[in-house]
């Protein structure tokens, strides 16, 4: 529940119209990728990993929202949708690598 409420707060802080660049989705997913990689690097207890990774961060991040945003953008502007996907994936990979590096012993 906490992750979903945080996600809702991000959407309120960074609103967008359907079919436009969804910065809230990009930011939320990047923060989630950073935190998940940091968590997986540092925490060994499976129960804590499930609680925070699957529970909190799973509710916080959204792949389905990312997919819907890309499809809606692509209806009228396929090149913008392609750039949205490229920027999102690049940002997520970068955030994951940073999270892993930041948490490394």
C-alpha atoms as a PDB file:
ATOM      1  CA  UNK A   1       0.000   0.000   0.000  1.00  0.00           C
ATOM      2  CA  UNK A   2       2.830   2.408   0.850  1.00  0.00           C
ATOM      3  CA  UNK A   3       4.431   1.971  -2.580  1.00  0.00           C
ATOM      4  CA  UNK A   4       1.135   2.646  -4.348  1.00  0.00           C
ATOM      5  CA  UNK A   5       0.549   5.780  -2.286  1.00  0.00           C
ATOM      6  CA  UNK A   6       4.050   7.026  -3.105  1.00  0.00           C
ATOM      7  CA  UNK A   7       3.371   6.367  -6.790  1.00  0.00           C
ATOM      8  CA  UNK A   8       0.125   8.312  -6.559  1.00  0.00           C
ATOM      9  CA  UNK A   9       2.006  11.199  -4.956  1.00  0.00           C
ATOM     10  CA  UNK A  10       4.497  11.203  -7.823  1.00  0.00           C
ATOM     11  CA  UNK A  11       1.670  11.390 -10.372  1.00  0.00           C
ATOM     12  CA  UNK A  12       0.190  14.347  -8.487  1.00  0.00           C
ATOM     13  CA  UNK A  13       3.600  16.063  -8.339  1.00  0.00           C
ATOM     14  CA  UNK A  14       4.358  15.463 -12.036  1.00  0.00           C
ATOM     15  CA  UNK A  15       0.982  15.348 -13.812  1.00  0.00           C
ATOM     16  CA  UNK A  16       0.630  14.782 -17.549  1.00  0.00           C
ATOM     17  CA  UNK A  17      -2.155  14.482 -20.042  1.00  0.00           C
ATOM     18  CA  UNK A  18      -2.734  11.077 -21.673  1.00  0.00           C
ATOM     19  CA  UNK A  19      -0.636  10.785 -24.797  1.00  0.00           C
ATOM     20  CA  UNK A  20       2.081  13.154 -23.587  1.00  0.00           C
ATOM     21  CA  UNK A  21       5.522  12.471 -22.127  1.00  0.00           C
ATOM     22  CA  UNK A  22       4.957  10.856 -18.719  1.00  0.00           C
ATOM     23  CA  UNK A  23       7.787  12.159 -16.537  1.00  0.00           C
ATOM     24  CA  UNK A  24       6.180  10.751 -13.403  1.00  0.00           C
ATOM     25  CA  UNK A  25       6.457   7.232 -14.842  1.00  0.00           C
ATOM     26  CA  UNK A  26      10.073   7.746 -15.896  1.00  0.00           C
ATOM     27  CA  UNK A  27      11.057   9.188 -12.505  1.00  0.00           C
ATOM     28  CA  UNK A  28       9.189   6.565 -10.462  1.00  0.00           C
ATOM     29  CA  UNK A  29      10.616   3.672 -12.458  1.00  0.00           C
ATOM     30  CA  UNK A  30      14.149   5.100 -12.295  1.00  0.00           C
ATOM     31  CA  UNK A  31      13.949   5.588  -8.520  1.00  0.00           C
ATOM     32  CA  UNK A  32      12.539   2.080  -8.196  1.00  0.00           C
ATOM     33  CA  UNK A  33      15.338   0.574 -10.333  1.00  0.00           C
ATOM     34  CA  UNK A  34      17.973   2.401  -8.275  1.00  0.00           C
ATOM     35  CA  UNK A  35      16.490   1.277  -4.961  1.00  0.00           C
ATOM     36  CA  UNK A  36      15.880  -2.301  -6.086  1.00  0.00           C
ATOM     37  CA  UNK A  37      19.455  -2.781  -7.274  1.00  0.00           C
ATOM     38  CA  UNK A  38      20.780  -1.185  -4.089  1.00  0.00           C
ATOM     39  CA  UNK A  39      18.518  -3.468  -2.042  1.00  0.00           C
ATOM     40  CA  UNK A  40      19.547  -6.610  -3.903  1.00  0.00           C
ATOM     41  CA  UNK A  41      23.206  -5.673  -3.518  1.00  0.00           C
ATOM     42  CA  UNK A  42      23.035  -5.156   0.260  1.00  0.00           C
ATOM     43  CA  UNK A  43      20.187  -7.212   1.707  1.00  0.00           C
ATOM     44  CA  UNK A  44      20.505 -11.004   1.888  1.00  0.00           C
ATOM     45  CA  UNK A  45      17.399 -11.832   3.938  1.00  0.00           C
ATOM     46  CA  UNK A  46      14.843 -13.204   1.465  1.00  0.00           C
ATOM     47  CA  UNK A  47      11.885 -11.983   3.530  1.00  0.00           C
ATOM     48  CA  UNK A  48      13.185  -8.414   3.572  1.00  0.00           C
ATOM     49  CA  UNK A  49      13.930  -8.564  -0.157  1.00  0.00           C
ATOM     50  CA  UNK A  50      10.389  -9.752  -0.860  1.00  0.00           C
ATOM     51  CA  UNK A  51       8.818  -7.190   1.442  1.00  0.00           C
ATOM     52  CA  UNK A  52      10.745  -4.224   0.082  1.00  0.00           C
ATOM     53  CA  UNK A  53      11.453  -5.391  -3.467  1.00  0.00           C
ATOM     54  CA  UNK A  54       8.268  -7.141  -4.482  1.00  0.00           C
ATOM     55  CA  UNK A  55       5.955  -5.357  -2.038  1.00  0.00           C
ATOM     56  CA  UNK A  56       7.022  -1.730  -1.649  1.00  0.00           C
ATOM     57  CA  UNK A  57       8.934  -1.220  -4.903  1.00  0.00           C
ATOM     58  CA  UNK A  58       6.628  -3.495  -6.889  1.00  0.00           C
ATOM     59  CA  UNK A  59       3.681  -1.301  -5.933  1.00  0.00           C
ATOM     60  CA  UNK A  60       5.713   1.866  -6.499  1.00  0.00           C
ATOM     61  CA  UNK A  61       7.013   1.138 -10.008  1.00  0.00           C
ATOM     62  CA  UNK A  62       4.916   0.373 -13.049  1.00  0.00           C
ATOM     63  CA  UNK A  63       5.815  -1.368 -16.275  1.00  0.00           C
ATOM     64  CA  UNK A  64       2.202  -1.457 -17.415  1.00  0.00           C
ATOM     65  CA  UNK A  65       1.905   2.325 -16.991  1.00  0.00           C
ATOM     66  CA  UNK A  66       5.083   2.771 -19.033  1.00  0.00           C
ATOM     67  CA  UNK A  67       3.684   0.536 -21.800  1.00  0.00           C
ATOM     68  CA  UNK A  68       0.337   2.364 -21.894  1.00  0.00           C
ATOM     69  CA  UNK A  69       2.086   5.760 -21.969  1.00  0.00           C
ATOM     70  CA  UNK A  70       4.243   4.618 -24.908  1.00  0.00           C
ATOM     71  CA  UNK A  71       1.221   3.317 -26.837  1.00  0.00           C
ATOM     72  CA  UNK A  72      -0.815   6.484 -26.235  1.00  0.00           C
ATOM     73  CA  UNK A  73       2.072   8.716 -27.286  1.00  0.00           C
ATOM     74  CA  UNK A  74       2.662   6.526 -30.347  1.00  0.00           C
ATOM     75  CA  UNK A  75      -0.881   6.885 -31.618  1.00  0.00           C
ATOM     76  CA  UNK A  76      -0.183  10.376 -32.915  1.00  0.00           C
ATOM     77  CA  UNK A  77       3.602  10.653 -32.667  1.00  0.00           C
ATOM     78  CA  UNK A  78       5.441   7.378 -33.218  1.00  0.00           C
ATOM     79  CA  UNK A  79       8.912   8.971 -33.186  1.00  0.00           C
ATOM     80  CA  UNK A  80       8.188  10.686 -29.873  1.00  0.00           C
ATOM     81  CA  UNK A  81       6.983   7.334 -28.495  1.00  0.00           C
ATOM     82  CA  UNK A  82      10.174   5.663 -29.663  1.00  0.00           C
ATOM     83  CA  UNK A  83      12.258   8.351 -27.983  1.00  0.00           C
ATOM     84  CA  UNK A  84      10.145   7.978 -24.815  1.00  0.00           C
ATOM     85  CA  UNK A  85      10.883   4.248 -24.751  1.00  0.00           C
ATOM     86  CA  UNK A  86      14.604   4.786 -25.433  1.00  0.00           C
ATOM     87  CA  UNK A  87      14.959   7.483 -22.769  1.00  0.00           C
ATOM     88  CA  UNK A  88      12.989   5.409 -20.256  1.00  0.00           C
ATOM     89  CA  UNK A  89      14.981   2.215 -20.781  1.00  0.00           C
ATOM     90  CA  UNK A  90      18.290   4.087 -20.782  1.00  0.00           C
ATOM     91  CA  UNK A  91      17.346   5.931 -17.614  1.00  0.00           C
ATOM     92  CA  UNK A  92      16.258   2.712 -15.898  1.00  0.00           C
ATOM     93  CA  UNK A  93      19.453   0.886 -16.784  1.00  0.00           C
ATOM     94  CA  UNK A  94      21.551   3.826 -15.653  1.00  0.00           C
ATOM     95  CA  UNK A  95      19.642   4.100 -12.390  1.00  0.00           C
ATOM     96  CA  UNK A  96      20.015   0.365 -11.757  1.00  0.00           C
ATOM     97  CA  UNK A  97      23.776   0.530 -12.326  1.00  0.00           C
ATOM     98  CA  UNK A  98      24.044   3.557 -10.042  1.00  0.00           C
ATOM     99  CA  UNK A  99      22.016   1.796  -7.344  1.00  0.00           C
ATOM    100  CA  UNK A 100      24.265  -1.223  -7.529  1.00  0.00           C
ATOM    101  CA  UNK A 101      27.415   0.903  -7.414  1.00  0.00           C
ATOM    102  CA  UNK A 102      26.116   3.044  -4.550  1.00  0.00           C
ATOM    103  CA  UNK A 103      25.333  -0.018  -2.431  1.00  0.00           C
ATOM    104  CA  UNK A 104      28.504  -1.948  -3.221  1.00  0.00           C
ATOM    105  CA  UNK A 105      30.549  -2.741  -0.120  1.00  0.00           C
END
